[in-house]
């Protein structure tokens, strides 16, 4: 019975781990931000599965992005 329980637990954990592994890293979020026009990053943080990036473009204007951490898609860009 214990062996069966361990098999079930290990199977559940092995299915759950890939979901966490699919989130983009801070380095990938940074590279995405640079790719859409951010020249200088002031702040970057992960909040509820969304990378929030605040910085400036090459002209010195403020820019804020939101990047979906699971898909890597830029879901919002706001320029000031």
PDB file of N, CA and C in Angstrom:
ATOM      1  N   UNK A   1       0.822  -1.203   0.000  1.00  0.00           N
ATOM      2  CA  UNK A   1       0.000   0.000   0.000  1.00  0.00           C
ATOM      3  C   UNK A   1       0.863   1.262   0.000  1.00  0.00           C
ATOM      4  N   UNK A   2       1.927   1.269   0.809  1.00  0.00           N
ATOM      5  CA  UNK A   2       2.814   2.429   0.847  1.00  0.00           C
ATOM      6  C   UNK A   2       3.489   2.645  -0.506  1.00  0.00           C
ATOM      7  N   UNK A   3       3.885   1.559  -1.141  1.00  0.00           N
ATOM      8  CA  UNK A   3       4.539   1.681  -2.447  1.00  0.00           C
ATOM      9  C   UNK A   3       3.591   2.321  -3.456  1.00  0.00           C
ATOM     10  N   UNK A   4       2.355   1.918  -3.446  1.00  0.00           N
ATOM     11  CA  UNK A   4       1.364   2.493  -4.348  1.00  0.00           C
ATOM     12  C   UNK A   4       1.180   3.986  -4.065  1.00  0.00           C
ATOM     13  N   UNK A   5       1.146   4.353  -2.797  1.00  0.00           N
ATOM     14  CA  UNK A   5       1.012   5.751  -2.425  1.00  0.00           C
ATOM     15  C   UNK A   5       2.198   6.569  -2.941  1.00  0.00           C
ATOM     16  N   UNK A   6       3.423   6.054  -2.792  1.00  0.00           N
ATOM     17  CA  UNK A   6       4.614   6.757  -3.278  1.00  0.00           C
ATOM     18  C   UNK A   6       4.601   6.892  -4.798  1.00  0.00           C
ATOM     19  N   UNK A   7       4.139   5.874  -5.470  1.00  0.00           N
ATOM     20  CA  UNK A   7       4.059   5.931  -6.936  1.00  0.00           C
ATOM     21  C   UNK A   7       3.087   7.031  -7.365  1.00  0.00           C
ATOM     22  N   UNK A   8       1.962   7.111  -6.699  1.00  0.00           N
ATOM     23  CA  UNK A   8       0.971   8.137  -7.015  1.00  0.00           C
ATOM     24  C   UNK A   8       1.530   9.531  -6.728  1.00  0.00           C
ATOM     25  N   UNK A   9       2.204   9.709  -5.593  1.00  0.00           N
ATOM     26  CA  UNK A   9       2.785  10.999  -5.231  1.00  0.00           C
ATOM     27  C   UNK A   9       3.853  11.406  -6.242  1.00  0.00           C
ATOM     28  N   UNK A  10       4.743  10.496  -6.584  1.00  0.00           N
ATOM     29  CA  UNK A  10       5.799  10.808  -7.540  1.00  0.00           C
ATOM     30  C   UNK A  10       5.241  11.123  -8.924  1.00  0.00           C
ATOM     31  N   UNK A  11       4.214  10.411  -9.317  1.00  0.00           N
ATOM     32  CA  UNK A  11       3.587  10.685 -10.612  1.00  0.00           C
ATOM     33  C   UNK A  11       2.958  12.079 -10.613  1.00  0.00           C
ATOM     34  N   UNK A  12       2.292  12.451  -9.530  1.00  0.00           N
ATOM     35  CA  UNK A  12       1.671  13.770  -9.434  1.00  0.00           C
ATOM     36  C   UNK A  12       2.729  14.875  -9.472  1.00  0.00           C
ATOM     37  N   UNK A  13       3.815  14.684  -8.772  1.00  0.00           N
ATOM     38  CA  UNK A  13       4.890  15.676  -8.755  1.00  0.00           C
ATOM     39  C   UNK A  13       5.525  15.795 -10.132  1.00  0.00           C
ATOM     40  N   UNK A  14       5.740  14.694 -10.809  1.00  0.00           N
ATOM     41  CA  UNK A  14       6.383  14.747 -12.125  1.00  0.00           C
ATOM     42  C   UNK A  14       5.502  15.456 -13.150  1.00  0.00           C
ATOM     43  N   UNK A  15       4.188  15.396 -12.992  1.00  0.00           N
ATOM     44  CA  UNK A  15       3.302  16.124 -13.894  1.00  0.00           C
ATOM     45  C   UNK A  15       3.228  17.602 -13.542  1.00  0.00           C
ATOM     46  N   UNK A  16       3.416  17.945 -12.280  1.00  0.00           N
ATOM     47  CA  UNK A  16       3.334  19.340 -11.844  1.00  0.00           C
ATOM     48  C   UNK A  16       4.600  20.116 -12.174  1.00  0.00           C
ATOM     49  N   UNK A  17       5.750  19.492 -12.151  1.00  0.00           N
ATOM     50  CA  UNK A  17       7.014  20.193 -12.368  1.00  0.00           C
ATOM     51  C   UNK A  17       7.135  20.863 -13.726  1.00  0.00           C
ATOM     52  N   UNK A  18       6.721  20.249 -14.819  1.00  0.00           N
ATOM     53  CA  UNK A  18       6.849  20.943 -16.104  1.00  0.00           C
ATOM     54  C   UNK A  18       6.090  22.270 -16.164  1.00  0.00           C
ATOM     55  N   UNK A  19       5.003  22.399 -15.422  1.00  0.00           N
ATOM     56  CA  UNK A  19       4.257  23.653 -15.416  1.00  0.00           C
ATOM     57  C   UNK A  19       5.103  24.787 -14.857  1.00  0.00           C
ATOM     58  N   UNK A  20       5.882  24.508 -13.826  1.00  0.00           N
ATOM     59  CA  UNK A  20       6.748  25.530 -13.255  1.00  0.00           C
ATOM     60  C   UNK A  20       7.934  25.804 -14.166  1.00  0.00           C
ATOM     61  N   UNK A  21       8.422  24.803 -14.830  1.00  0.00           N
ATOM     62  CA  UNK A  21       9.600  24.948 -15.681  1.00  0.00           C
ATOM     63  C   UNK A  21       9.308  25.786 -16.924  1.00  0.00           C
ATOM     64  N   UNK A  22       8.044  25.962 -17.264  1.00  0.00           N
ATOM     65  CA  UNK A  22       7.692  26.677 -18.477  1.00  0.00           C
ATOM     66  C   UNK A  22       7.655  28.191 -18.297  1.00  0.00           C
ATOM     67  N   UNK A  23       7.719  28.690 -17.065  1.00  0.00           N
ATOM     68  CA  UNK A  23       7.760  30.135 -16.856  1.00  0.00           C
ATOM     69  C   UNK A  23       9.080  30.678 -17.360  1.00  0.00           C
ATOM     70  N   UNK A  24       9.033  31.807 -18.047  1.00  0.00           N
ATOM     71  CA  UNK A  24      10.264  32.409 -18.550  1.00  0.00           C
ATOM     72  C   UNK A  24      11.077  32.972 -17.384  1.00  0.00           C
ATOM     73  N   UNK A  25      12.368  32.974 -17.547  1.00  0.00           N
ATOM     74  CA  UNK A  25      13.276  33.468 -16.521  1.00  0.00           C
ATOM     75  C   UNK A  25      13.348  34.992 -16.588  1.00  0.00           C
ATOM     76  N   UNK A  26      13.947  35.577 -15.568  1.00  0.00           N
ATOM     77  CA  UNK A  26      14.122  37.027 -15.559  1.00  0.00           C
ATOM     78  C   UNK A  26      15.015  37.464 -16.722  1.00  0.00           C
ATOM     79  N   UNK A  27      15.982  36.629 -17.086  1.00  0.00           N
ATOM     80  CA  UNK A  27      16.853  36.950 -18.220  1.00  0.00           C
ATOM     81  C   UNK A  27      16.064  36.976 -19.530  1.00  0.00           C
ATOM     82  N   UNK A  28      15.153  36.024 -19.692  1.00  0.00           N
ATOM     83  CA  UNK A  28      14.323  35.989 -20.894  1.00  0.00           C
ATOM     84  C   UNK A  28      13.369  37.179 -20.933  1.00  0.00           C
ATOM     85  N   UNK A  29      12.820  37.558 -19.778  1.00  0.00           N
ATOM     86  CA  UNK A  29      11.940  38.730 -19.711  1.00  0.00           C
ATOM     87  C   UNK A  29      12.725  39.990 -20.057  1.00  0.00           C
ATOM     88  N   UNK A  30      13.942  40.092 -19.547  1.00  0.00           N
ATOM     89  CA  UNK A  30      14.804  41.239 -19.848  1.00  0.00           C
ATOM     90  C   UNK A  30      15.084  41.318 -21.351  1.00  0.00           C
ATOM     91  N   UNK A  31      15.427  40.173 -21.955  1.00  0.00           N
ATOM     92  CA  UNK A  31      15.716  40.148 -23.391  1.00  0.00           C
ATOM     93  C   UNK A  31      14.486  40.526 -24.218  1.00  0.00           C
ATOM     94  N   UNK A  32      13.316  40.082 -23.777  1.00  0.00           N
ATOM     95  CA  UNK A  32      12.075  40.451 -24.465  1.00  0.00           C
ATOM     96  C   UNK A  32      11.856  41.956 -24.382  1.00  0.00           C
ATOM     97  N   UNK A  33      12.084  42.523 -23.206  1.00  0.00           N
ATOM     98  CA  UNK A  33      11.921  43.968 -23.030  1.00  0.00           C
ATOM     99  C   UNK A  33      12.873  44.746 -23.934  1.00  0.00           C
ATOM    100  N   UNK A  34      14.125  44.319 -23.985  1.00  0.00           N
ATOM    101  CA  UNK A  34      15.083  44.991 -24.868  1.00  0.00           C
ATOM    102  C   UNK A  34      14.657  44.853 -26.328  1.00  0.00           C
ATOM    103  N   UNK A  35      14.025  43.747 -26.666  1.00  0.00           N
ATOM    104  CA  UNK A  35      13.593  43.506 -28.039  1.00  0.00           C
ATOM    105  C   UNK A  35      12.436  44.381 -28.498  1.00  0.00           C
ATOM    106  N   UNK A  36      11.673  44.919 -27.547  1.00  0.00           N
ATOM    107  CA  UNK A  36      10.537  45.774 -27.931  1.00  0.00           C
ATOM    108  C   UNK A  36      10.802  47.247 -27.662  1.00  0.00           C
ATOM    109  N   UNK A  37      12.049  47.602 -27.380  1.00  0.00           N
ATOM    110  CA  UNK A  37      12.385  49.014 -27.305  1.00  0.00           C
ATOM    111  C   UNK A  37      12.833  49.553 -25.966  1.00  0.00           C
ATOM    112  N   UNK A  38      12.880  48.717 -24.943  1.00  0.00           N
ATOM    113  CA  UNK A  38      13.401  49.191 -23.663  1.00  0.00           C
ATOM    114  C   UNK A  38      14.916  49.276 -23.779  1.00  0.00           C
ATOM    115  N   UNK A  39      15.473  50.415 -23.393  1.00  0.00           N
ATOM    116  CA  UNK A  39      16.917  50.619 -23.474  1.00  0.00           C
ATOM    117  C   UNK A  39      17.567  50.497 -22.099  1.00  0.00           C
ATOM    118  N   UNK A  40      16.837  50.903 -21.052  1.00  0.00           N
ATOM    119  CA  UNK A  40      17.333  50.854 -19.680  1.00  0.00           C
ATOM    120  C   UNK A  40      16.221  50.351 -18.781  1.00  0.00           C
ATOM    121  N   UNK A  41      16.485  49.302 -18.016  1.00  0.00           N
ATOM    122  CA  UNK A  41      15.485  48.736 -17.107  1.00  0.00           C
ATOM    123  C   UNK A  41      15.720  49.291 -15.716  1.00  0.00           C
ATOM    124  N   UNK A  42      14.658  49.902 -15.147  1.00  0.00           N
ATOM    125  CA  UNK A  42      14.719  50.402 -13.778  1.00  0.00           C
ATOM    126  C   UNK A  42      14.260  49.350 -12.779  1.00  0.00           C
ATOM    127  N   UNK A  43      13.241  48.571 -13.164  1.00  0.00           N
ATOM    128  CA  UNK A  43      12.660  47.582 -12.253  1.00  0.00           C
ATOM    129  C   UNK A  43      12.053  46.454 -13.067  1.00  0.00           C
ATOM    130  N   UNK A  44      12.231  45.235 -12.577  1.00  0.00           N
ATOM    131  CA  UNK A  44      11.607  44.075 -13.207  1.00  0.00           C
ATOM    132  C   UNK A  44      11.202  43.112 -12.106  1.00  0.00           C
ATOM    133  N   UNK A  45       9.935  42.674 -12.157  1.00  0.00           N
ATOM    134  CA  UNK A  45       9.459  41.748 -11.134  1.00  0.00           C
ATOM    135  C   UNK A  45       8.357  40.853 -11.682  1.00  0.00           C
ATOM    136  N   UNK A  46       8.258  39.677 -11.096  1.00  0.00           N
ATOM    137  CA  UNK A  46       7.225  38.713 -11.457  1.00  0.00           C
ATOM    138  C   UNK A  46       6.069  38.850 -10.480  1.00  0.00           C
ATOM    139  N   UNK A  47       4.868  39.090 -10.998  1.00  0.00           N
ATOM    140  CA  UNK A  47       3.685  39.264 -10.160  1.00  0.00           C
ATOM    141  C   UNK A  47       2.514  38.511 -10.784  1.00  0.00           C
ATOM    142  N   UNK A  48       2.060  37.473 -10.117  1.00  0.00           N
ATOM    143  CA  UNK A  48       0.912  36.678 -10.576  1.00  0.00           C
ATOM    144  C   UNK A  48       1.077  36.167 -12.007  1.00  0.00           C
ATOM    145  N   UNK A  49       2.263  35.657 -12.321  1.00  0.00           N
ATOM    146  CA  UNK A  49       2.498  35.072 -13.635  1.00  0.00           C
ATOM    147  C   UNK A  49       2.757  36.078 -14.745  1.00  0.00           C
ATOM    148  N   UNK A  50       2.977  37.340 -14.371  1.00  0.00           N
ATOM    149  CA  UNK A  50       3.243  38.394 -15.351  1.00  0.00           C
ATOM    150  C   UNK A  50       4.530  39.112 -14.948  1.00  0.00           C
ATOM    151  N   UNK A  51       5.459  39.211 -15.901  1.00  0.00           N
ATOM    152  CA  UNK A  51       6.660  40.013 -15.680  1.00  0.00           C
ATOM    153  C   UNK A  51       6.292  41.465 -15.901  1.00  0.00           C
ATOM    154  N   UNK A  52       6.546  42.309 -14.910  1.00  0.00           N
ATOM    155  CA  UNK A  52       6.311  43.747 -15.030  1.00  0.00           C
ATOM    156  C   UNK A  52       7.672  44.419 -15.152  1.00  0.00           C
ATOM    157  N   UNK A  53       7.860  45.133 -16.237  1.00  0.00           N
ATOM    158  CA  UNK A  53       9.137  45.781 -16.526  1.00  0.00           C
ATOM    159  C   UNK A  53       8.907  47.283 -16.636  1.00  0.00           C
ATOM    160  N   UNK A  54       9.682  48.049 -15.858  1.00  0.00           N
ATOM    161  CA  UNK A  54       9.634  49.506 -15.935  1.00  0.00           C
ATOM    162  C   UNK A  54      11.012  49.989 -16.338  1.00  0.00           C
ATOM    163  N   UNK A  55      11.045  50.931 -17.278  1.00  0.00           N
ATOM    164  CA  UNK A  55      12.323  51.439 -17.725  1.00  0.00           C
ATOM    165  C   UNK A  55      12.166  52.640 -18.639  1.00  0.00           C
ATOM    166  N   UNK A  56      13.172  52.832 -19.497  1.00  0.00           N
ATOM    167  CA  UNK A  56      13.205  53.959 -20.424  1.00  0.00           C
ATOM    168  C   UNK A  56      13.609  53.469 -21.811  1.00  0.00           C
ATOM    169  N   UNK A  57      13.089  54.144 -22.846  1.00  0.00           N
ATOM    170  CA  UNK A  57      13.505  53.813 -24.209  1.00  0.00           C
ATOM    171  C   UNK A  57      14.765  54.606 -24.556  1.00  0.00           C
ATOM    172  N   UNK A  58      15.235  54.492 -25.778  1.00  0.00           N
ATOM    173  CA  UNK A  58      16.494  55.142 -26.168  1.00  0.00           C
ATOM    174  C   UNK A  58      16.405  56.666 -26.187  1.00  0.00           C
ATOM    175  N   UNK A  59      15.177  57.209 -26.157  1.00  0.00           N
ATOM    176  CA  UNK A  59      14.991  58.655 -26.133  1.00  0.00           C
ATOM    177  C   UNK A  59      14.806  59.183 -24.714  1.00  0.00           C
ATOM    178  N   UNK A  60      14.826  58.281 -23.734  1.00  0.00           N
ATOM    179  CA  UNK A  60      14.668  58.677 -22.341  1.00  0.00           C
ATOM    180  C   UNK A  60      13.238  58.691 -21.847  1.00  0.00           C
ATOM    181  N   UNK A  61      12.286  58.306 -22.712  1.00  0.00           N
ATOM    182  CA  UNK A  61      10.883  58.266 -22.307  1.00  0.00           C
ATOM    183  C   UNK A  61      10.626  57.029 -21.453  1.00  0.00           C
ATOM    184  N   UNK A  62       9.738  57.177 -20.457  1.00  0.00           N
ATOM    185  CA  UNK A  62       9.386  56.044 -19.607  1.00  0.00           C
ATOM    186  C   UNK A  62       8.587  55.020 -20.417  1.00  0.00           C
ATOM    187  N   UNK A  63       8.820  53.761 -20.096  1.00  0.00           N
ATOM    188  CA  UNK A  63       8.104  52.673 -20.764  1.00  0.00           C
ATOM    189  C   UNK A  63       7.821  51.586 -19.729  1.00  0.00           C
ATOM    190  N   UNK A  64       6.628  51.039 -19.797  1.00  0.00           N
ATOM    191  CA  UNK A  64       6.235  49.955 -18.890  1.00  0.00           C
ATOM    192  C   UNK A  64       5.662  48.824 -19.724  1.00  0.00           C
ATOM    193  N   UNK A  65       6.116  47.603 -19.453  1.00  0.00           N
ATOM    194  CA  UNK A  65       5.584  46.441 -20.166  1.00  0.00           C
ATOM    195  C   UNK A  65       5.064  45.412 -19.203  1.00  0.00           C
ATOM    196  N   UNK A  66       4.168  44.604 -19.696  1.00  0.00           N
ATOM    197  CA  UNK A  66       3.721  43.406 -19.004  1.00  0.00           C
ATOM    198  C   UNK A  66       3.916  42.242 -19.960  1.00  0.00           C
ATOM    199  N   UNK A  67       4.611  41.220 -19.485  1.00  0.00           N
ATOM    200  CA  UNK A  67       4.930  40.048 -20.304  1.00  0.00           C
ATOM    201  C   UNK A  67       4.360  38.816 -19.616  1.00  0.00           C
ATOM    202  N   UNK A  68       3.539  38.065 -20.332  1.00  0.00           N
ATOM    203  CA  UNK A  68       2.999  36.820 -19.787  1.00  0.00           C
ATOM    204  C   UNK A  68       4.162  35.849 -19.571  1.00  0.00           C
ATOM    205  N   UNK A  69       4.371  35.425 -18.330  1.00  0.00           N
ATOM    206  CA  UNK A  69       5.527  34.598 -18.002  1.00  0.00           C
ATOM    207  C   UNK A  69       5.423  33.183 -18.563  1.00  0.00           C
ATOM    208  N   UNK A  70       4.217  32.719 -18.836  1.00  0.00           N
ATOM    209  CA  UNK A  70       4.046  31.372 -19.380  1.00  0.00           C
ATOM    210  C   UNK A  70       4.260  31.335 -20.887  1.00  0.00           C
ATOM    211  N   UNK A  71       3.721  32.332 -21.593  1.00  0.00           N
ATOM    212  CA  UNK A  71       3.806  32.319 -23.060  1.00  0.00           C
ATOM    213  C   UNK A  71       4.942  33.180 -23.608  1.00  0.00           C
ATOM    214  N   UNK A  72       5.405  34.147 -22.819  1.00  0.00           N
ATOM    215  CA  UNK A  72       6.428  35.065 -23.296  1.00  0.00           C
ATOM    216  C   UNK A  72       5.858  36.203 -24.135  1.00  0.00           C
ATOM    217  N   UNK A  73       4.540  36.280 -24.233  1.00  0.00           N
ATOM    218  CA  UNK A  73       3.879  37.301 -25.045  1.00  0.00           C
ATOM    219  C   UNK A  73       3.813  38.632 -24.301  1.00  0.00           C
ATOM    220  N   UNK A  74       4.139  39.716 -24.996  1.00  0.00           N
ATOM    221  CA  UNK A  74       3.991  41.057 -24.436  1.00  0.00           C
ATOM    222  C   UNK A  74       2.508  41.389 -24.481  1.00  0.00           C
ATOM    223  N   UNK A  75       1.892  41.546 -23.313  1.00  0.00           N
ATOM    224  CA  UNK A  75       0.451  41.765 -23.267  1.00  0.00           C
ATOM    225  C   UNK A  75       0.083  43.230 -23.103  1.00  0.00           C
ATOM    226  N   UNK A  76       1.067  44.067 -22.703  1.00  0.00           N
ATOM    227  CA  UNK A  76       0.769  45.484 -22.537  1.00  0.00           C
ATOM    228  C   UNK A  76       2.066  46.287 -22.636  1.00  0.00           C
ATOM    229  N   UNK A  77       1.993  47.389 -23.371  1.00  0.00           N
ATOM    230  CA  UNK A  77       3.096  48.341 -23.441  1.00  0.00           C
ATOM    231  C   UNK A  77       2.507  49.724 -23.208  1.00  0.00           C
ATOM    232  N   UNK A  78       3.086  50.446 -22.276  1.00  0.00           N
ATOM    233  CA  UNK A  78       2.641  51.809 -22.002  1.00  0.00           C
ATOM    234  C   UNK A  78       3.840  52.731 -22.039  1.00  0.00           C
ATOM    235  N   UNK A  79       3.769  53.751 -22.871  1.00  0.00           N
ATOM    236  CA  UNK A  79       4.860  54.720 -22.996  1.00  0.00           C
ATOM    237  C   UNK A  79       4.373  56.064 -22.452  1.00  0.00           C
ATOM    238  N   UNK A  80       5.249  56.755 -21.735  1.00  0.00           N
ATOM    239  CA  UNK A  80       4.904  58.062 -21.144  1.00  0.00           C
ATOM    240  C   UNK A  80       5.646  59.145 -21.858  1.00  0.00           C
TER     241      UNK A  80
END
